[in-house]
Protein backbone atom coordinates (compact mmCIF):
# COMPACT_ATOMS: atom_id res chain seq x y z
CA MET A 1 0.00 0.00 0.00
CA ASP A 2 1.51 3.33 -1.13
CA PHE A 3 0.48 6.96 -0.78
CA ILE A 4 1.16 9.01 -3.90
CA LYS A 5 0.95 12.74 -4.63
CA ASP A 6 -0.14 13.48 -8.17
CA GLU A 7 -2.50 15.55 -10.32
CA ALA A 8 -5.20 14.35 -12.66
CA VAL A 9 -7.70 15.34 -15.34
CA VAL A 10 -11.07 13.56 -15.33
CA LEU A 11 -11.91 11.91 -18.65
CA ARG A 12 -15.08 10.02 -17.76
CA LYS A 13 -17.53 9.56 -14.91
CA SER A 14 -20.08 6.80 -14.37
CA PRO A 15 -22.27 5.66 -11.45
CA ALA A 16 -21.45 2.37 -9.76
CA GLY A 17 -24.58 1.08 -8.08
CA ASP A 18 -26.86 3.47 -6.20
CA PHE A 19 -24.25 5.42 -4.23
CA ASP A 20 -20.75 4.83 -5.59
CA LEU A 21 -18.82 6.35 -8.49
CA SER A 22 -16.20 5.28 -10.97
CA ILE A 23 -14.09 7.86 -12.77
CA THR A 24 -11.44 7.51 -15.46
CA VAL A 25 -8.58 9.95 -15.00
CA TYR A 26 -5.22 10.62 -16.59
CA LEU A 27 -2.53 11.14 -13.96
CA ARG A 28 0.58 13.20 -14.61
CA LYS A 29 2.96 10.47 -13.34
CA TYR A 30 0.96 7.26 -13.66
CA GLY A 31 -1.18 7.73 -16.75
CA LYS A 32 -4.73 6.49 -17.21
CA GLU A 33 -6.45 4.89 -14.23
CA ASN A 34 -9.97 3.98 -13.19
CA ILE A 35 -10.71 5.18 -9.66
CA TYR A 36 -13.53 3.76 -7.55
CA ILE A 37 -15.09 6.22 -5.09
CA PRO A 38 -17.29 4.66 -2.39
CA LYS A 39 -20.43 6.78 -1.78
CA GLY A 40 -19.15 9.21 -4.39
CA GLN A 41 -22.66 10.05 -5.62
CA LEU A 42 -23.76 11.41 -2.25
CA LEU A 43 -23.83 15.19 -1.84
CA LYS A 44 -21.82 14.90 1.38
CA SER A 45 -18.95 13.20 -0.44
CA PRO A 46 -15.86 15.46 -0.19
CA PHE A 47 -14.75 14.28 -3.63
CA LEU A 48 -17.98 15.01 -5.51
CA PRO A 49 -16.92 18.43 -6.94
CA ALA A 50 -13.76 16.92 -8.44
CA THR A 51 -15.41 14.01 -10.25
CA GLU A 52 -16.99 15.85 -13.19
CA PRO A 53 -15.42 15.40 -16.65
CA PHE A 54 -12.95 18.15 -17.66
CA THR A 55 -12.02 18.71 -14.00
CA TRP A 56 -8.39 19.08 -12.94
CA PHE A 57 -7.41 18.18 -9.41
CA LYS A 58 -4.31 17.63 -7.31
CA GLY A 59 -4.12 15.46 -4.22
CA VAL A 60 -3.01 12.29 -2.50
CA PHE A 61 -3.86 8.87 -3.91
CA LEU A 62 -3.77 5.48 -2.27
CA LYS A 63 -2.35 2.74 -4.49
CA LYS A 64 -3.37 -0.68 -3.24
CA ARG A 65 -2.93 -3.89 -5.26
CA GLU A 66 -2.44 -1.90 -8.48
CA LYS A 67 -5.67 0.02 -7.87
CA PHE A 68 -5.94 3.74 -7.16
CA PHE A 69 -8.17 5.42 -4.59
CA ILE A 70 -8.45 9.11 -3.68
CA LYS A 71 -7.19 9.82 -0.17
CA GLU A 72 -7.51 13.61 -0.21
CA ILE A 73 -7.84 16.48 -2.68
CA ASP A 74 -5.70 19.56 -2.14
CA LYS A 75 -6.75 21.67 -5.12
CA SER A 76 -9.30 21.29 -7.89
CA ARG A 77 -10.80 23.31 -10.71
CA SER A 78 -14.05 22.36 -12.42
CA LEU A 79 -13.19 23.55 -15.92
CA GLY A 80 -16.41 22.05 -17.29
CA LEU A 81 -18.36 24.98 -15.84
CA GLY A 82 -16.70 27.43 -18.23
CA ILE A 83 -16.60 25.03 -21.16
CA SER A 84 -20.31 24.17 -20.96
CA LYS A 85 -21.32 27.81 -21.49
CA ASP A 86 -20.72 27.33 -25.20
CA ARG A 87 -22.04 24.28 -27.04
CA SER A 88 -19.21 24.15 -29.58
CA ARG A 89 -16.56 24.30 -26.85
CA PHE A 90 -18.37 21.59 -24.88
CA GLU A 91 -18.54 19.31 -27.94
CA THR A 92 -14.85 19.98 -28.58
CA ALA A 93 -13.96 19.08 -24.99
CA TYR A 94 -15.95 15.87 -25.28
CA PHE A 95 -14.18 15.06 -28.57
CA ILE A 96 -10.78 15.67 -26.96
CA THR A 97 -11.38 13.47 -23.93
CA GLU A 98 -12.86 10.67 -26.06
CA LEU A 99 -9.94 10.75 -28.51
CA PHE A 100 -7.46 10.89 -25.63
CA ASN A 101 -9.15 8.02 -23.81
CA ARG A 102 -9.10 5.89 -26.97
CA TYR A 103 -5.53 6.39 -28.11
CA VAL A 104 -3.43 7.34 -25.08
CA ILE A 105 -2.66 4.17 -23.17
CA PHE A 106 0.67 4.62 -21.43
CA PRO A 107 1.87 7.21 -18.89
CA ASP A 108 3.45 10.21 -20.60
CA GLU A 109 3.88 13.56 -18.86
CA ARG A 110 3.88 15.37 -22.20
CA MET A 111 0.46 13.88 -22.97
CA PHE A 112 -0.80 15.01 -19.57
CA ILE A 113 0.39 18.56 -20.24
CA LEU A 114 -1.33 18.54 -23.66
CA LEU A 115 -4.60 17.37 -22.12
CA LYS A 116 -4.43 19.82 -19.21
CA LYS A 117 -3.61 22.82 -21.41
CA SER A 118 -6.31 21.87 -23.93
CA VAL A 119 -9.01 21.72 -21.28
CA TYR A 120 -7.82 24.98 -19.69
CA TYR A 121 -7.74 26.92 -22.96
CA LEU A 122 -11.20 25.66 -23.90
CA THR A 123 -12.63 27.81 -21.11
CA GLN A 124 -11.72 30.79 -23.31
CA LYS A 125 -13.11 31.96 -26.61
CA VAL A 126 -11.48 29.83 -29.33
CA ASP A 127 -12.00 28.69 -32.90
CA THR A 128 -13.09 25.15 -32.09
CA LYS A 129 -12.26 23.77 -35.56
CA ILE A 130 -8.67 24.95 -35.26
CA PHE A 131 -8.60 23.76 -31.66
CA ARG A 132 -9.61 20.20 -32.56
CA LEU A 133 -7.14 20.21 -35.42
CA ASN A 134 -4.34 21.34 -33.13
CA PHE A 135 -5.13 18.75 -30.47
CA THR A 136 -5.24 15.89 -32.97
CA ALA A 137 -1.97 16.97 -34.61
CA LYS A 138 -0.21 17.32 -31.23
CA LEU A 139 -1.50 13.92 -30.07
CA ILE A 140 -0.13 12.31 -33.25
CA TYR A 141 3.19 14.13 -32.81
CA LEU A 142 3.60 13.12 -29.16
CA SER A 143 2.70 9.54 -30.08
CA GLY A 144 5.78 9.46 -32.31
CA ILE A 145 3.90 8.79 -35.53
CA PHE A 146 3.76 12.26 -37.09
CA PRO A 147 4.17 12.01 -40.87
CA GLU A 148 7.35 13.00 -42.65
CA ILE A 149 6.56 16.32 -44.33
CA ASP A 150 9.96 17.95 -44.86
CA VAL A 151 11.55 15.51 -47.30
CA CYS A 152 10.39 12.96 -49.85
CA VAL A 153 9.94 9.56 -48.22
CA ARG A 154 11.26 7.88 -51.39
CA CYS A 155 14.33 9.86 -52.39
CA GLY A 156 14.97 12.16 -49.44
CA SER A 157 14.85 15.42 -51.41
CA LYS A 158 13.54 18.55 -49.71
CA ILE A 159 9.83 19.26 -50.08
CA THR A 160 8.88 22.77 -51.19
CA GLY A 161 5.96 24.29 -53.02
CA ARG A 162 7.70 23.49 -56.31
CA THR A 163 8.80 19.96 -55.48
CA TYR A 164 5.75 18.70 -53.59
CA GLY A 165 3.88 15.93 -55.38
CA ILE A 166 1.59 13.90 -53.14
CA PHE A 167 1.12 12.72 -49.59
CA SER A 168 1.33 8.94 -49.26
CA THR A 169 -0.47 7.56 -46.19
CA PRO A 170 0.92 4.01 -46.60
CA GLU A 171 4.46 5.44 -46.70
CA GLY A 172 3.77 7.96 -43.95
CA GLY A 173 4.82 11.16 -45.64
CA THR A 174 5.30 13.44 -48.60
CA VAL A 175 6.49 12.36 -52.03
CA CYS A 176 8.15 14.72 -54.50
CA ARG A 177 7.00 15.27 -58.08
CA LYS A 178 9.90 13.30 -59.50
CA CYS A 179 8.88 10.21 -57.56
CA SER A 180 5.14 10.39 -58.24
CA LYS A 181 2.91 11.82 -60.93
CA SER A 182 -0.36 11.12 -59.10
CA ARG A 183 -2.74 13.81 -57.87
CA SER A 184 -2.69 14.52 -54.17
CA TYR A 185 -5.60 14.81 -51.74
CA LEU A 186 -3.54 17.26 -49.68
CA GLU A 187 -2.37 20.53 -51.21
CA TYR A 188 0.98 22.06 -50.34
CA GLN A 189 -0.82 24.59 -48.14
CA ASP A 190 -2.04 21.65 -46.06
CA ILE A 191 1.55 20.46 -45.68
CA LYS A 192 2.57 23.95 -44.52
CA ASN A 193 -0.25 23.88 -41.97
CA LEU A 194 0.93 20.51 -40.65
CA ARG A 195 4.38 22.00 -40.12
CA GLU A 196 2.86 24.90 -38.19
CA LEU A 197 0.68 22.62 -36.06
CA LYS A 198 3.77 20.75 -34.83
CA VAL A 199 5.17 23.87 -33.16
CA VAL A 200 2.37 26.41 -32.61
CA ASN A 201 1.52 27.05 -28.96
CA PHE A 202 -1.94 27.57 -27.54
CA LYS A 203 -1.52 31.34 -27.22
CA ASN A 204 -0.89 31.68 -30.95
CA LEU A 205 -3.61 29.36 -32.22
CA GLY A 206 -5.77 32.35 -33.13
CA ARG A 207 -3.13 33.47 -35.64
CA LEU A 208 -3.09 30.14 -37.47
CA LYS A 209 -4.70 30.38 -40.90
CA VAL A 210 -5.99 27.07 -42.26
CA LYS A 211 -7.69 27.02 -45.67
CA ASN A 212 -9.84 23.96 -45.00
CA PRO A 213 -9.64 22.80 -41.36
CA ASP A 214 -12.39 20.18 -41.78
CA LYS A 215 -10.54 18.45 -44.62
CA LEU A 216 -7.21 18.52 -42.79
CA HIS A 217 -8.76 17.26 -39.59
CA SER A 218 -10.49 14.38 -41.38
CA PHE A 219 -7.14 13.46 -42.90
CA LEU A 220 -5.40 13.48 -39.50
CA LEU A 221 -8.09 11.32 -37.90
CA GLU A 222 -7.83 8.79 -40.71
CA TYR A 223 -4.04 8.88 -40.49
CA LEU A 224 -4.19 8.33 -36.73
CA MET A 225 -6.57 5.40 -37.08
CA LYS A 226 -4.37 3.68 -39.70
CA ASN A 227 -1.01 4.29 -38.02
CA TYR A 228 -1.62 3.99 -34.28
């Protein structure tokens, strides 16, 4: 039996019986865990405010037989209150937590930071299409499967507006015009946007200009599904 200090973001919440709760969280140090909270549905439960999805909290956890329990909560912030004021932001938050829950399996502090920052910034006024695009691109990048977009995956030559030919999903990157004469689903502007999404921070997302965010996001989701 160990006592652990850590912080978490709530991904999911579900009732367990008439009085208890089960929440899925992503911990900064230990990754994704399901936490059982006895009598967690009762209003007198001290942990009730911290169990809502999109909530960040910091506290002490009890690890017993590879299972986690909440011992005490030092700080918490119910970010869902601000997010739920706007339907588009709420739907985006739900998309983010569902995508995260599906694809992020192992502990990774960088993934925790991405999730925490995403939920925090969603309490502000944002372009939700760009926000979803950014989150998906960053998740792919941190997963180590971001496509090669700087050089041709066949010959290694540098990709520019003049040399860009197509994007090859099976090969995981760009192909120059010399190596392929096919037509590409992605334009060179899309490739430039992918480069920007790798490095842009949350504060500068509003400056990002994407010609067709829906098309690029659909591509990234398909790419993620085929390469994860």
